[in-house]
Protein backbone atom coordinates (compact mmCIF):
# COMPACT_ATOMS: atom_id res chain seq x y z
CA MET A 1 -15.05 -7.43 -1.49
CA SER A 2 -15.57 -4.68 -4.09
CA GLU A 3 -16.95 -1.19 -4.13
CA THR A 4 -20.06 -1.10 -6.28
CA SER A 5 -22.50 0.92 -4.17
CA LYS A 6 -24.38 3.51 -6.23
CA PRO A 7 -25.24 6.94 -4.82
CA ILE A 8 -28.82 7.38 -3.66
CA PRO A 9 -30.30 10.82 -4.45
CA ALA A 10 -31.07 12.78 -1.33
CA ASN A 11 -34.70 13.29 -2.38
CA SER A 12 -35.39 9.58 -2.79
CA ALA A 13 -36.42 7.24 0.01
CA PRO A 14 -33.40 5.16 1.10
CA LYS A 15 -33.81 1.39 0.93
CA ILE A 16 -32.39 -1.56 2.78
CA PRO A 17 -29.70 -3.00 0.51
CA GLU A 18 -29.97 -6.63 -0.55
CA GLY A 19 -26.46 -7.53 0.49
CA PRO A 20 -23.86 -8.73 0.98
CA LEU A 21 -24.00 -9.61 4.66
CA VAL A 22 -21.11 -8.83 6.99
CA SER A 23 -20.61 -12.58 7.54
CA ALA A 24 -19.80 -13.00 3.84
CA LEU A 25 -16.91 -10.55 3.83
CA ALA A 26 -13.34 -11.88 3.93
CA GLY A 27 -9.91 -10.29 4.12
CA MET A 28 -10.76 -7.53 6.60
CA PRO A 29 -10.76 -9.07 10.10
CA GLN A 30 -10.49 -5.84 12.10
CA ALA A 31 -13.18 -4.04 10.12
CA ARG A 32 -15.44 -7.07 10.16
CA ALA A 33 -15.15 -7.42 13.96
CA TRP A 34 -16.13 -3.75 14.37
CA ALA A 35 -19.03 -4.17 11.93
CA GLU A 36 -20.38 -7.24 13.72
CA ALA A 37 -20.28 -5.43 17.08
CA LEU A 38 -22.02 -2.42 15.54
CA VAL A 39 -24.78 -4.58 14.04
CA ASP A 40 -25.40 -6.14 17.47
CA ASP A 41 -25.61 -2.70 19.09
CA LEU A 42 -27.97 -1.42 16.40
CA ALA A 43 -30.29 -4.37 17.03
CA LEU A 44 -30.36 -3.50 20.75
CA TYR A 45 -30.97 0.17 19.94
CA LYS A 46 -33.87 -0.69 17.63
CA ALA A 47 -35.36 -2.86 20.39
CA GLY A 48 -35.12 0.02 22.87
CA ARG A 49 -32.58 -1.83 25.03
CA LEU A 50 -29.57 0.41 24.33
CA ALA A 51 -29.23 4.19 24.41
CA TRP A 52 -27.93 5.85 21.25
CA SER A 53 -25.10 7.37 23.29
CA ASP A 54 -23.75 3.83 23.73
CA VAL A 55 -23.67 3.10 19.97
CA ASP A 56 -20.57 3.84 17.89
CA PRO A 57 -21.91 6.74 15.77
CA GLY A 58 -19.30 6.83 13.01
CA CYS A 59 -16.08 5.56 11.53
CA VAL A 60 -13.55 6.20 8.76
CA LEU A 61 -12.64 3.16 6.66
CA HIS A 62 -9.43 3.70 4.73
CA GLY A 63 -7.18 1.65 2.50
CA PRO A 64 -6.22 1.01 -1.14
CA PRO A 65 -8.89 1.34 -3.84
CA GLY A 66 -11.17 -1.65 -4.32
CA THR A 67 -10.65 -3.27 -0.92
CA GLY A 68 -14.34 -3.20 0.02
CA LYS A 69 -14.77 -0.07 2.12
CA THR A 70 -18.07 0.99 0.59
CA THR A 71 -19.15 -2.65 0.37
CA LEU A 72 -18.67 -2.97 4.12
CA ALA A 73 -20.95 0.02 4.72
CA ARG A 74 -23.57 -1.63 2.49
CA ALA A 75 -23.11 -4.95 4.33
CA ILE A 76 -23.63 -3.27 7.72
CA ALA A 77 -26.91 -1.78 6.53
CA ALA A 78 -28.03 -5.06 4.94
CA THR A 79 -27.16 -7.14 8.02
CA ALA A 80 -28.77 -4.67 10.43
CA LYS A 81 -31.79 -4.31 8.07
CA LEU A 82 -31.39 -0.53 7.96
CA PRO A 83 -31.78 1.90 5.05
CA LEU A 84 -28.55 3.03 3.38
CA LEU A 85 -27.83 6.48 1.96
CA ALA A 86 -24.71 6.26 -0.21
CA THR A 87 -23.29 9.65 -1.12
CA SER A 88 -19.96 11.34 -1.80
CA TYR A 89 -18.31 14.74 -2.00
CA ALA A 90 -18.55 14.48 -5.80
CA ASP A 91 -22.35 14.07 -5.50
CA TRP A 92 -22.57 17.25 -3.45
CA THR A 93 -20.65 19.27 -6.07
CA ARG A 94 -23.04 18.47 -8.93
CA GLY A 95 -25.43 21.30 -8.10
CA GLY A 96 -23.48 23.83 -10.12
CA ARG A 97 -22.59 26.67 -7.73
CA TYR A 98 -19.57 26.07 -5.57
CA GLY A 99 -20.39 26.66 -1.95
CA ILE A 100 -24.10 27.04 -1.35
CA ASP A 101 -25.18 24.15 -3.59
CA ILE A 102 -22.64 21.82 -1.95
CA ILE A 103 -23.83 22.80 1.51
CA ASN A 104 -27.50 22.41 0.52
CA SER A 105 -26.87 18.96 -0.98
CA MET A 106 -25.01 17.90 2.13
CA ARG A 107 -27.79 19.13 4.43
CA ALA A 108 -30.43 17.37 2.30
CA VAL A 109 -28.63 14.00 2.73
CA PHE A 110 -28.50 14.33 6.50
CA GLN A 111 -32.09 15.56 6.67
CA THR A 112 -33.20 12.48 4.74
CA ALA A 113 -31.12 10.33 7.07
CA ARG A 114 -32.73 11.82 10.20
CA GLU A 115 -36.19 11.29 8.72
CA ASN A 116 -35.38 7.62 8.06
CA ALA A 117 -33.42 6.87 11.23
CA PRO A 118 -32.15 4.45 12.25
CA CYS A 119 -30.10 4.23 9.07
CA VAL A 120 -26.56 4.23 7.67
CA VAL A 121 -24.96 7.08 5.71
CA ALA A 122 -21.90 6.13 3.63
CA ILE A 123 -19.78 9.09 2.44
CA ASP A 124 -17.36 7.95 -0.26
CA GLU A 125 -14.26 9.93 -1.31
CA LEU A 126 -14.15 11.64 2.09
CA ASP A 127 -10.53 12.63 1.43
CA SER A 128 -11.80 14.81 -1.46
CA MET A 129 -13.15 17.18 1.18
CA PRO A 130 -10.66 20.03 1.63
CA SER A 131 -8.79 20.23 4.92
CA ARG A 132 -8.72 23.64 6.56
CA SER A 133 -5.14 23.08 7.67
CA THR A 134 -4.00 23.20 4.03
CA LEU A 135 -6.14 26.17 2.99
CA PRO A 136 -5.19 29.84 3.28
CA PRO A 137 -7.64 32.18 5.06
CA GLU A 138 -8.75 33.72 1.75
CA HIS A 139 -10.88 30.63 1.00
CA PRO A 140 -13.91 31.41 3.20
CA VAL A 141 -16.32 29.42 1.02
CA THR A 142 -14.28 26.25 1.33
CA HIS A 143 -14.01 26.77 5.09
CA SER A 144 -17.80 27.08 5.15
CA ILE A 145 -18.19 23.72 3.36
CA VAL A 146 -16.04 21.93 5.92
CA ASN A 147 -17.82 23.68 8.78
CA ALA A 148 -21.20 22.65 7.36
CA LEU A 149 -20.20 18.97 7.41
CA LEU A 150 -18.86 19.31 10.95
CA GLU A 151 -22.22 20.82 11.94
CA GLN A 152 -24.07 17.79 10.57
CA LEU A 153 -21.75 15.38 12.34
CA ASP A 154 -21.42 17.28 15.60
CA GLY A 155 -22.84 15.74 18.73
CA LEU A 156 -25.09 12.77 19.34
CA ASN A 157 -28.22 14.93 19.48
CA ARG A 158 -27.66 16.16 15.91
CA ARG A 159 -28.15 12.71 14.38
CA PRO A 160 -29.66 10.13 16.75
CA GLY A 161 -29.98 6.78 15.00
CA VAL A 162 -27.73 7.83 12.09
CA VAL A 163 -24.45 5.91 11.68
CA VAL A 164 -22.03 7.78 9.41
CA ILE A 165 -19.28 5.81 7.65
CA GLY A 166 -16.69 7.73 5.66
CA THR A 167 -14.43 5.93 3.19
CA CYS A 168 -11.18 7.16 1.71
CA ASN A 169 -7.77 6.17 0.37
CA HIS A 170 -5.75 8.87 2.17
CA PRO A 171 -6.81 9.41 5.81
CA ASP A 172 -3.87 11.77 6.34
CA ARG A 173 -5.65 14.34 4.12
CA LEU A 174 -8.74 14.58 6.30
CA ASP A 175 -9.50 17.68 8.33
CA GLU A 176 -8.52 16.93 11.93
CA ALA A 177 -11.89 18.10 13.25
CA LEU A 178 -13.67 15.47 11.14
CA VAL A 179 -12.00 12.59 12.91
CA ARG A 180 -12.30 13.67 16.51
CA ALA A 181 -14.38 11.69 19.01
CA GLY A 182 -18.13 12.18 18.58
CA ARG A 183 -17.87 12.66 14.82
CA LEU A 184 -15.84 10.11 12.87
CA GLY A 185 -13.56 9.28 15.75
CA ARG A 186 -12.75 5.68 14.84
CA SER A 187 -10.37 4.87 11.99
CA ILE A 188 -9.98 1.34 10.56
CA HIS A 189 -7.54 0.30 7.86
CA ILE A 190 -8.74 -2.21 5.26
CA PRO A 191 -5.69 -3.67 3.48
CA LEU A 192 -5.44 -5.70 0.33
CA PRO A 193 -6.70 -9.20 1.15
CA PRO A 194 -4.07 -11.71 2.30
CA LEU A 195 -3.52 -15.02 0.53
CA GLU A 196 -5.63 -17.02 3.00
CA SER A 197 -8.69 -14.80 2.33
CA LEU A 198 -8.55 -14.88 -1.46
CA PRO A 199 -10.20 -18.33 -1.93
CA LYS A 200 -13.22 -17.08 0.03
CA ILE A 201 -13.39 -13.88 -2.02
CA LEU A 202 -13.15 -15.89 -5.24
CA ALA A 203 -15.88 -18.24 -4.04
CA TYR A 204 -18.14 -15.30 -3.16
CA HIS A 205 -17.85 -13.77 -6.62
CA LEU A 206 -18.11 -17.14 -8.37
CA GLY A 207 -21.39 -17.75 -6.58
CA SER A 208 -23.09 -20.93 -7.74
CA ASP A 209 -20.16 -21.71 -10.05
CA ALA A 210 -17.74 -22.07 -7.12
CA GLY A 211 -18.76 -25.68 -6.46
CA ALA A 212 -17.44 -26.78 -9.84
CA PHE A 213 -13.96 -25.44 -9.10
CA GLY A 214 -13.15 -27.41 -5.96
CA ASP A 215 -10.00 -26.07 -4.32
CA LEU A 216 -9.41 -22.45 -5.34
CA SER A 217 -5.99 -22.18 -3.65
CA ASN A 218 -3.98 -22.37 -6.87
CA VAL A 219 -5.99 -19.59 -8.50
CA ALA A 220 -5.86 -17.57 -5.27
CA VAL A 221 -2.06 -17.61 -5.36
CA MET A 222 -2.14 -15.87 -8.72
CA CYS A 223 -4.44 -13.23 -7.24
CA VAL A 224 -2.11 -12.11 -4.45
CA GLY A 225 -1.86 -8.33 -4.52
CA MET A 226 -5.31 -7.93 -6.07
CA SER A 227 -8.15 -6.12 -4.35
CA GLY A 228 -11.65 -7.50 -3.96
CA ALA A 229 -12.73 -5.33 -6.88
CA ASP A 230 -9.90 -6.79 -9.00
CA VAL A 231 -11.09 -10.32 -8.15
CA GLU A 232 -14.65 -9.38 -9.08
CA GLN A 233 -13.40 -8.07 -12.44
CA LEU A 234 -11.38 -11.26 -12.95
CA VAL A 235 -14.48 -13.42 -12.48
CA ARG A 236 -16.50 -11.15 -14.77
CA ASP A 237 -13.86 -11.41 -17.54
CA ALA A 238 -13.65 -15.20 -17.10
CA ARG A 239 -17.42 -15.52 -17.46
CA GLN A 240 -17.28 -13.40 -20.60
CA ARG A 241 -14.61 -15.71 -22.02
CA ALA A 242 -16.76 -18.75 -21.28
CA ARG A 243 -19.82 -17.12 -22.92
CA ARG A 244 -17.87 -16.44 -26.08
CA ALA A 245 -16.91 -20.11 -26.19
CA ALA A 246 -20.58 -21.05 -25.63
CA ARG A 247 -19.87 -23.21 -22.58
CA SER A 248 -19.91 -23.13 -18.80
CA LEU A 249 -17.23 -21.44 -16.75
CA ARG A 250 -14.02 -23.42 -16.14
CA GLY A 251 -10.95 -22.93 -14.01
CA THR A 252 -8.90 -22.48 -17.18
CA ASP A 253 -10.90 -19.33 -17.92
CA LEU A 254 -9.65 -17.70 -14.72
CA THR A 255 -6.03 -18.67 -15.32
CA ALA A 256 -6.23 -17.63 -18.98
CA VAL A 257 -7.49 -14.18 -18.02
CA LEU A 258 -4.73 -13.80 -15.43
CA GLU A 259 -2.00 -14.91 -17.84
CA ALA A 260 -3.32 -12.60 -20.55
CA ARG A 261 -3.36 -9.70 -18.08
CA TYR A 262 0.10 -10.22 -16.61
CA GLY A 263 1.98 -12.00 -19.36
CA SER A 264 4.81 -14.39 -18.58
CA CYS A 265 8.54 -14.44 -17.87
CA ASP A 266 11.34 -16.66 -19.16
CA GLY A 267 12.66 -19.42 -16.93
CA GLU A 268 15.86 -17.59 -15.97
CA THR A 269 13.91 -14.54 -14.79
CA VAL A 270 11.49 -16.70 -12.81
CA ARG A 271 14.42 -18.43 -11.11
CA ARG A 272 16.00 -15.08 -10.20
CA ILE A 273 12.76 -13.74 -8.72
CA ALA A 274 12.28 -16.95 -6.75
CA VAL A 275 15.81 -16.80 -5.31
CA HIS A 276 15.36 -13.15 -4.41
CA GLU A 277 12.09 -13.72 -2.55
CA ALA A 278 13.37 -16.91 -0.94
CA GLY A 279 16.29 -14.89 0.40
CA HIS A 280 13.93 -12.46 2.13
CA ALA A 281 11.87 -15.31 3.55
CA VAL A 282 14.82 -17.33 4.86
CA ALA A 283 16.23 -14.24 6.55
CA ALA A 284 12.88 -13.50 8.20
CA TYR A 285 12.66 -17.13 9.35
CA ARG A 286 16.23 -17.56 10.62
CA LEU A 287 16.22 -14.19 12.40
CA ALA A 288 12.84 -15.02 13.98
CA LEU A 289 11.27 -11.81 12.73
CA SER A 290 7.81 -13.30 12.37
CA ASP A 291 5.69 -16.35 13.06
CA THR A 292 3.72 -15.71 9.87
CA ILE A 293 5.57 -15.56 6.54
CA THR A 294 3.91 -15.80 3.13
CA VAL A 295 5.95 -15.79 -0.08
CA THR A 296 4.36 -15.51 -3.52
CA LEU A 297 5.68 -15.66 -7.06
CA ILE A 298 3.55 -14.24 -9.87
CA PRO A 299 5.75 -13.74 -12.97
CA GLY A 300 4.68 -10.88 -15.22
CA ARG A 301 3.13 -8.76 -12.47
CA SER A 302 4.59 -5.33 -11.73
CA SER A 303 5.54 -6.82 -8.35
CA SER A 304 6.50 -10.32 -9.48
CA GLY A 305 7.26 -11.60 -6.01
CA THR A 306 6.18 -10.65 -2.52
CA VAL A 307 7.10 -11.60 1.03
CA SER A 308 4.57 -10.74 3.70
CA ILE A 309 5.43 -10.98 7.38
CA ASN A 310 3.73 -10.05 10.62
CA PRO A 311 6.65 -8.58 12.61
CA ARG A 312 7.10 -9.74 16.17
CA GLY A 313 7.19 -7.16 18.93
CA GLN A 314 5.62 -3.75 19.11
CA VAL A 315 8.56 -1.94 20.75
CA LEU A 316 11.34 -1.32 18.23
CA THR A 317 14.93 -1.71 19.45
CA ARG A 318 18.27 -1.25 17.70
CA PRO A 319 18.84 -5.04 17.30
CA MET A 320 15.35 -5.40 15.82
CA VAL A 321 16.07 -2.61 13.33
CA GLU A 322 19.36 -4.26 12.37
CA ASP A 323 17.66 -7.63 11.83
CA ARG A 324 14.94 -6.06 9.70
CA LEU A 325 17.60 -4.37 7.59
CA VAL A 326 19.19 -7.78 7.00
CA MET A 327 15.83 -9.16 5.91
CA LEU A 328 15.27 -6.25 3.51
CA LEU A 329 18.70 -6.69 1.92
CA ALA A 330 18.64 -10.50 1.88
CA GLY A 331 16.91 -10.71 -1.51
CA ARG A 332 19.74 -8.89 -3.25
CA ALA A 333 22.28 -10.81 -1.17
CA ALA A 334 20.73 -14.12 -2.27
CA GLU A 335 21.15 -13.13 -5.91
CA LEU A 336 24.77 -12.17 -5.25
CA ALA A 337 25.53 -15.37 -3.36
CA MET A 338 23.74 -17.86 -5.61
CA LEU A 339 23.47 -16.33 -9.09
CA ASP A 340 25.80 -14.42 -11.39
CA GLY A 341 25.38 -11.22 -9.40
CA PRO A 342 22.53 -8.96 -8.28
CA SER A 343 19.87 -7.50 -10.53
CA ALA A 344 18.20 -4.11 -10.19
CA GLY A 345 15.23 -5.78 -8.48
CA ALA A 346 16.16 -4.50 -5.02
CA GLY A 347 16.07 -0.86 -6.12
CA GLY A 348 13.77 1.46 -7.97
CA ASP A 349 10.84 3.27 -6.42
CA LYS A 350 10.12 4.35 -2.84
CA GLU A 351 8.74 0.89 -1.98
CA SER A 352 11.85 -0.97 -3.11
CA ASP A 353 14.06 -2.97 -0.75
CA LEU A 354 16.84 -0.37 -0.82
CA ALA A 355 14.47 2.53 -0.25
CA ARG A 356 12.76 0.83 2.68
CA ALA A 357 16.09 -0.17 4.23
CA THR A 358 17.48 3.35 3.91
CA LYS A 359 14.32 4.88 5.33
CA LEU A 360 14.29 2.44 8.27
CA ALA A 361 17.94 3.14 9.13
CA LEU A 362 17.35 6.88 8.82
CA LEU A 363 14.35 6.70 11.13
CA ALA A 364 16.30 4.64 13.66
CA VAL A 365 19.16 7.13 13.81
CA GLY A 366 17.40 10.42 13.15
CA SER A 367 13.97 9.95 14.73
CA PHE A 368 13.80 6.94 17.07
CA GLY A 369 16.79 7.73 19.29
CA LEU A 370 18.53 4.45 18.35
CA SER A 371 21.86 5.95 17.31
CA THR A 372 24.95 4.26 18.77
CA ARG A 373 26.87 7.53 18.58
CA ASP A 374 25.15 9.24 21.52
CA SER A 375 22.98 11.44 19.31
CA LEU A 376 19.44 11.92 20.59
CA LEU A 377 18.54 14.84 18.34
CA TRP A 378 15.25 14.37 16.52
CA HIS A 379 15.55 15.23 12.84
CA GLY A 380 11.96 14.54 11.83
CA PRO A 381 10.38 11.62 9.96
CA ALA A 382 11.99 10.18 6.85
CA ASP A 383 9.07 11.21 4.64
CA GLY A 384 10.84 12.53 1.60
CA GLY A 385 8.17 11.22 -0.76
CA ASP A 386 9.63 9.51 -3.80
CA ALA A 387 13.19 10.36 -2.74
CA LEU A 388 14.96 10.67 0.59
CA HIS A 389 16.87 13.94 0.59
CA LEU A 390 19.85 12.81 2.63
CA ASN A 391 21.59 16.14 2.09
CA ARG A 392 19.13 17.63 4.58
CA TYR A 393 20.65 15.54 7.37
CA PRO A 394 23.93 16.11 9.23
CA ALA A 395 26.92 14.22 7.87
CA ALA A 396 27.19 12.18 11.09
CA ILE A 397 23.63 10.90 10.63
CA VAL A 398 24.25 9.95 6.99
CA ASP A 399 27.52 8.22 7.93
CA GLU A 400 25.81 6.11 10.59
CA VAL A 401 22.98 5.23 8.20
CA ARG A 402 25.53 4.18 5.60
CA GLN A 403 27.35 2.06 8.19
CA MET A 404 24.09 0.38 9.24
CA ILE A 405 23.26 -0.45 5.62
CA ASP A 406 26.79 -1.74 4.94
CA ASP A 407 26.80 -3.91 8.07
CA ALA A 408 23.33 -5.27 7.30
CA ASN A 409 24.38 -6.06 3.74
CA GLU A 410 27.38 -8.03 4.97
CA ARG A 411 25.28 -9.90 7.51
CA ALA A 412 22.73 -10.65 4.78
CA LEU A 413 25.44 -11.91 2.42
CA MET A 414 26.94 -14.14 5.11
CA LEU A 415 23.49 -15.47 5.99
CA MET A 416 22.63 -16.22 2.37
CA ARG A 417 25.94 -18.05 1.88
CA SER A 418 25.38 -20.10 5.03
CA GLU A 419 21.74 -20.81 4.09
CA SER A 420 22.24 -21.27 0.35
CA ARG A 421 20.80 -24.81 0.37
CA LEU A 422 17.65 -23.68 2.19
CA VAL A 423 17.26 -20.72 -0.15
CA ASP A 424 17.72 -23.01 -3.15
CA GLU A 425 15.16 -25.57 -1.92
CA LEU A 426 12.68 -22.83 -1.04
CA ALA A 427 13.11 -21.16 -4.42
CA ALA A 428 12.41 -24.47 -6.17
CA LEU A 429 9.29 -25.02 -4.07
CA LEU A 430 8.17 -21.47 -4.81
CA ILE A 431 8.52 -22.01 -8.56
CA GLU A 432 6.49 -25.20 -8.27
CA ARG A 433 3.68 -23.91 -6.03
CA ARG A 434 3.81 -20.14 -6.65
CA ALA A 435 3.25 -19.60 -2.89
CA VAL A 436 4.82 -20.90 0.30
CA THR A 437 4.20 -20.21 3.97
CA SER A 438 6.01 -20.36 7.30
CA ASN A 439 5.16 -24.04 7.63
CA ASP A 440 6.82 -24.85 4.31
CA ILE A 441 9.98 -22.94 5.30
CA ALA A 442 10.08 -24.62 8.71
CA GLY A 443 9.65 -28.06 7.13
CA LEU A 444 12.54 -27.53 4.70
CA ALA A 445 14.73 -26.11 7.48
CA ARG A 446 14.07 -29.11 9.72
CA LYS A 447 15.06 -31.54 6.96
CA LEU A 448 18.21 -29.60 6.24
CA ASP A 449 19.19 -29.15 9.88
CA SER A 450 18.56 -32.82 10.67
CA GLY A 451 20.74 -34.00 7.81
CA ALA A 452 17.87 -35.46 5.80
CA MET A 453 19.12 -33.35 2.90
CA LYS A 454 22.75 -34.02 2.00
CA ARG A 455 24.99 -30.98 2.08
CA ASP A 456 28.09 -30.31 -0.01
CA PRO A 457 30.97 -30.24 2.51
CA ASN A 458 32.32 -27.10 0.81
CA GLU A 459 29.05 -25.20 1.27
CA PRO A 460 28.94 -22.41 3.84
CA THR A 461 27.04 -23.39 6.98
CA ARG A 462 24.93 -21.75 9.64
CA ASP A 463 27.82 -22.33 12.08
CA GLY A 464 29.78 -19.77 10.11
CA PHE A 465 26.98 -17.23 10.18
CA GLU A 466 26.66 -17.57 13.95
CA ASN A 467 30.44 -17.06 14.31
CA PHE A 468 30.15 -13.98 12.12
CA GLU A 469 27.30 -12.64 14.28
CA ARG A 470 29.37 -13.15 17.44
CA THR A 471 32.31 -11.37 15.83
CA LEU A 472 30.20 -8.32 15.06
CA GLN A 473 28.98 -8.24 18.64
CA GLU A 474 32.55 -8.47 19.96
CA LEU A 475 33.73 -5.70 17.65
CA ASP A 476 31.03 -3.44 19.09
CA ASN A 477 31.47 -4.68 22.68
CA PRO A 478 35.11 -5.75 23.31
CA ALA A 479 35.33 -8.50 25.92
CA PRO A 480 37.57 -11.49 26.72
CA ARG A 481 37.27 -14.12 24.00
CA LYS A 482 38.60 -17.45 22.84
CA LEU A 483 40.84 -17.00 19.84
CA ALA A 484 40.12 -20.51 18.61
CA SER A 485 36.58 -19.50 17.67
CA MET A 486 37.91 -16.55 15.66
CA ASP A 487 40.43 -18.33 13.42
CA TRP A 488 38.09 -18.41 10.46
CA ILE A 489 37.82 -14.64 10.24
CA VAL A 490 41.33 -14.08 8.92
CA GLU A 491 40.38 -15.47 5.53
CA GLU A 492 36.63 -14.96 5.43
CA LEU A 493 36.53 -11.23 6.17
CA ALA A 494 38.10 -10.67 2.77
CA LEU A 495 34.53 -10.91 1.51
CA PHE A 496 33.22 -8.15 3.78
CA PRO A 497 35.18 -4.89 3.42
CA SER A 498 33.11 -2.82 5.85
CA THR A 499 33.50 -5.29 8.72
CA ALA A 500 37.12 -5.96 7.74
CA GLN A 501 37.90 -2.27 8.09
CA ARG A 502 36.46 -2.25 11.61
CA PHE A 503 38.23 -5.53 12.39
CA ALA A 504 41.62 -4.29 11.19
CA SER A 505 41.77 -1.61 13.89
CA SER A 506 40.36 -3.77 16.68
CA GLU A 507 41.95 -5.51 19.64
CA ILE A 508 40.83 -8.87 18.22
CA ASP A 509 42.92 -8.33 15.08
CA ARG A 510 46.02 -7.46 17.09
CA GLU A 511 45.61 -10.57 19.25
CA ILE A 512 45.13 -12.88 16.27
CA ARG A 513 48.11 -11.34 14.48
CA ALA A 514 50.33 -11.99 17.48
CA THR A 515 48.99 -15.51 18.08
CA HIS A 516 49.29 -16.63 14.48
CA ALA A 517 52.40 -14.75 13.39
CA LYS A 518 54.36 -17.99 13.48
CA LEU A 519 51.94 -19.48 10.92
CA GLY A 520 52.80 -16.75 8.43
CA LEU A 521 49.23 -15.58 7.89
CA ASP A 522 48.79 -12.37 5.91
CA ALA A 523 47.36 -9.37 7.70
CA ILE A 524 43.65 -8.96 7.18
CA THR A 525 44.13 -5.52 5.64
CA ARG A 526 46.31 -7.03 2.90
CA ARG A 527 43.88 -9.88 2.19
CA ARG A 528 40.77 -7.76 1.66
CA GLY A 529 41.06 -7.95 -2.11
CA SER A 530 41.27 -11.75 -2.24
CA ARG A 531 38.29 -14.05 -2.43
CA PRO A 532 38.34 -17.56 -0.92
CA GLN A 533 37.32 -20.42 -3.16
CA SER A 534 34.46 -21.27 -0.81
CA GLY A 535 32.72 -19.86 2.21
CA LEU A 536 32.80 -21.08 5.78
CA ARG A 537 33.15 -24.80 6.24
CA ARG A 538 32.07 -26.97 9.09
CA ASN A 539 34.84 -27.89 11.63
CA ARG A 540 37.33 -25.85 9.72
CA SER A 541 40.75 -25.13 11.24
CA VAL A 542 43.52 -22.73 10.34
């Protein structure tokens, strides 16, 4: 939920926290399952029915700030009815002298824990501890601090009955020896809570006031992207607003606080954001990238729209990479296909659509062995921080990455043109509800595919996109084909210069030129600059 645990001085007797209980926590299914199993094992250990060697002695909980890592440690202690010692690296540094005072404070915490075992020790800010791998040898005092903590954690006999839970935001900064088996060998990520968990988190913090609100789903939608601590602060601010008005808390207090915090956008901007996010969602749905898709629209937020998916498949293949690239570029493509052109919304920082697409393509070619140009050299991870330094990579790698991005962009544009009605309907629903799910997308798609929604006969169709997909496959893998299914490409490839360039030098182009020469069709290379009045049309003939 939130992280409000206060440090307990090492010289004071630790107490059993009042709560919350593990059963009350939402939005962290993996961590909660581990915590429930640990509580069961601790009960058996306390009853003398389980050896300490069979109990999970420690764990690192990591994730964004405010997601409830320290709260989970408190909940484990409260549910298991065990004392909690909450401490941190910052607490250990308050003694004054760097080195010996830190080590003494650390030892005092673990001595208190052993005296009060069984108990739980929660070490916050664990990533503040220096890692020996990043320190030069001339820092012997710092090495001694790390070694002292390892000594306290080392082996089951050093701390029987003491569960140690470390929390941090950056697990990659931890000393490797800290997270080996027998110390803090288990690592669990606690993400920002998903949409379906936010009503429960709101209800928890609203407490007795929750009953007056009824369904919290609408407010929860506006909280997407917030941590449990952010939700707690939201409720606190709403209560303060109600107190100033000398009345009880209302739902309007929550929405007023949110609107004051994030501001608002004009209708044109909201429409653009909705189309962009709907484009991502439709691509994920039509390419079957996920069974679970959640789209949110919160105008005024730094991230005004989000699309969350749970990707299918654990083994990444080249076709899967190519489909994910289409999904990442589909937001920009939807703007290009349906509005007056793209905005800068697809670019920007290292988490932008363009950055993620470039990084994924670079990983596929330079690290995953998924190059189509027979290159299996490993060039390292694409971890250039805020910028990918493409000049560090061979020109052949950069060229293939560029080709992958260009091809994905053209596929995305074709898909958005063929699915423009679905994107439009989904964008309208998103503006109305502020959040839609896989079920909503599937429902709209079924209506459209069944003909329940009337389609403009000049609109591009999914038939065209499927033809386009088959063409790309045939360009990469020449095989016998029926020219009748390819007639449309002579005009339509004018929209897609990268594919047109590949097409112009292919066997397919030569065959179509010869077959249709009597019709007087222009060569594809001379038509690239023209733009048809409309996209692909159903049952179209040349």
